[in-house]
Amino acid sequence: MVQGISNSNKTYDNLVDLTEDYLGPAAERFIQRQIRVHLDKEPDQLTQNDLPKLANWVKVAIAILTEDSQMVNQYTNGIIELSKKKE
C-alpha cells in the first residue's frame, strides 16, 4: 500500500508505482503535489479520467528536471496508458 492514501484508490496506487520507476522515493510526494496543485483535489480522489490532464502537467514538471526527452515521453505515455487500463 502507498503511504498515507487509502489502498482503495487503485488509480493513485498505480500512478505512484509507475512514478517510482522514474523518481524513486520522491514519487509519492511529487504525485501528491501535482494532483493537489494542478487538479485541485486530494490524491485519494484521483480518477482515471484525471490522468490525461495530469500527464500534461507532469510532462512540464519533469521536463524542468531533466533534459532526457525520451524518459519524459516514456513516463507521460505510461500515465496515458494507465488512463486506458481496465480496472
Protein backbone atom coordinates (compact mmCIF):
# COMPACT_ATOMS: atom_id res chain seq x y z
CA MET A 1 0.00 0.00 0.00
CA VAL A 2 1.17 3.52 -0.79
CA GLN A 3 1.84 5.58 2.32
CA GLY A 4 -0.84 7.96 3.54
CA ILE A 5 -3.51 7.16 0.95
CA SER A 6 -6.22 4.54 1.25
CA ASN A 7 -5.48 1.36 -0.66
CA SER A 8 -8.96 1.62 -2.19
CA ASN A 9 -7.71 4.02 -4.88
CA LYS A 10 -6.11 1.70 -7.42
CA THR A 11 -5.56 4.55 -9.91
CA TYR A 12 -3.48 6.51 -7.40
CA ASP A 13 -1.52 3.42 -6.35
CA ASN A 14 -0.76 2.51 -9.97
CA LEU A 15 0.35 6.07 -10.70
CA VAL A 16 2.71 6.15 -7.73
CA ASP A 17 4.11 2.73 -8.69
CA LEU A 18 4.80 4.00 -12.21
CA THR A 19 6.33 7.22 -10.91
CA GLU A 20 8.65 5.32 -8.57
CA ASP A 21 10.28 3.83 -11.67
CA TYR A 22 11.36 7.35 -12.65
CA LEU A 23 11.67 9.30 -9.40
CA GLY A 24 12.33 6.63 -6.80
CA PRO A 25 11.43 7.57 -3.22
CA ALA A 26 10.34 11.08 -4.26
CA ALA A 27 7.48 9.66 -6.35
CA GLU A 28 4.61 9.87 -3.91
CA ARG A 29 5.42 13.38 -2.74
CA PHE A 30 5.77 14.55 -6.35
CA ILE A 31 2.46 12.99 -7.43
CA GLN A 32 0.55 14.29 -4.41
CA ARG A 33 1.74 17.80 -5.16
CA GLN A 34 0.86 17.55 -8.86
CA ILE A 35 -2.65 16.33 -8.03
CA ARG A 36 -3.31 18.97 -5.40
CA VAL A 37 -1.87 21.90 -7.35
CA HIS A 38 -2.98 21.11 -10.90
CA LEU A 39 -6.18 19.13 -10.39
CA ASP A 40 -7.29 20.93 -7.21
CA LYS A 41 -8.25 17.69 -5.49
CA GLU A 42 -6.89 15.31 -2.91
CA PRO A 43 -4.86 12.33 -4.13
CA ASP A 44 -7.45 9.84 -2.86
CA GLN A 45 -9.98 11.47 -5.21
CA LEU A 46 -7.90 10.79 -8.33
CA THR A 47 -9.73 9.00 -11.15
CA GLN A 48 -8.57 7.52 -14.42
CA ASN A 49 -10.30 10.41 -16.19
CA ASP A 50 -7.89 12.81 -14.45
CA LEU A 51 -4.79 11.11 -15.80
CA PRO A 52 -4.55 12.68 -19.29
CA LYS A 53 -4.70 16.19 -17.82
CA LEU A 54 -2.27 15.21 -15.08
CA ALA A 55 0.10 13.73 -17.68
CA ASN A 56 0.34 17.15 -19.36
CA TRP A 57 1.29 18.85 -16.10
CA VAL A 58 3.71 16.08 -15.15
CA LYS A 59 5.38 16.41 -18.54
CA VAL A 60 6.07 20.09 -17.89
CA ALA A 61 7.34 19.46 -14.36
CA ILE A 62 9.62 16.56 -15.31
CA ALA A 63 10.96 18.39 -18.37
CA ILE A 64 12.22 21.10 -16.00
CA LEU A 65 14.12 18.45 -14.02
CA THR A 66 15.77 16.61 -16.90
CA GLU A 67 16.83 17.09 -20.49
CA ASP A 68 16.12 13.41 -21.24
CA SER A 69 13.12 13.87 -23.54
CA GLN A 70 12.87 10.15 -24.19
CA MET A 71 12.40 9.49 -20.46
CA VAL A 72 9.87 12.31 -20.15
CA ASN A 73 7.85 10.92 -23.07
CA GLN A 74 8.09 7.35 -21.82
CA TYR A 75 6.87 8.35 -18.36
CA THR A 76 3.98 10.53 -19.55
CA ASN A 77 2.95 7.89 -22.10
CA GLY A 78 2.84 5.44 -19.20
CA ILE A 79 0.42 7.76 -17.40
CA ILE A 80 -1.78 7.91 -20.50
CA GLU A 81 -1.74 4.10 -20.68
CA LEU A 82 -2.92 3.96 -17.06
CA SER A 83 -5.89 6.12 -18.03
CA LYS A 84 -6.93 3.41 -20.53
CA LYS A 85 -6.34 0.44 -18.24
CA LYS A 86 -9.39 -1.59 -17.26
CA GLU A 87 -9.61 -1.93 -13.51
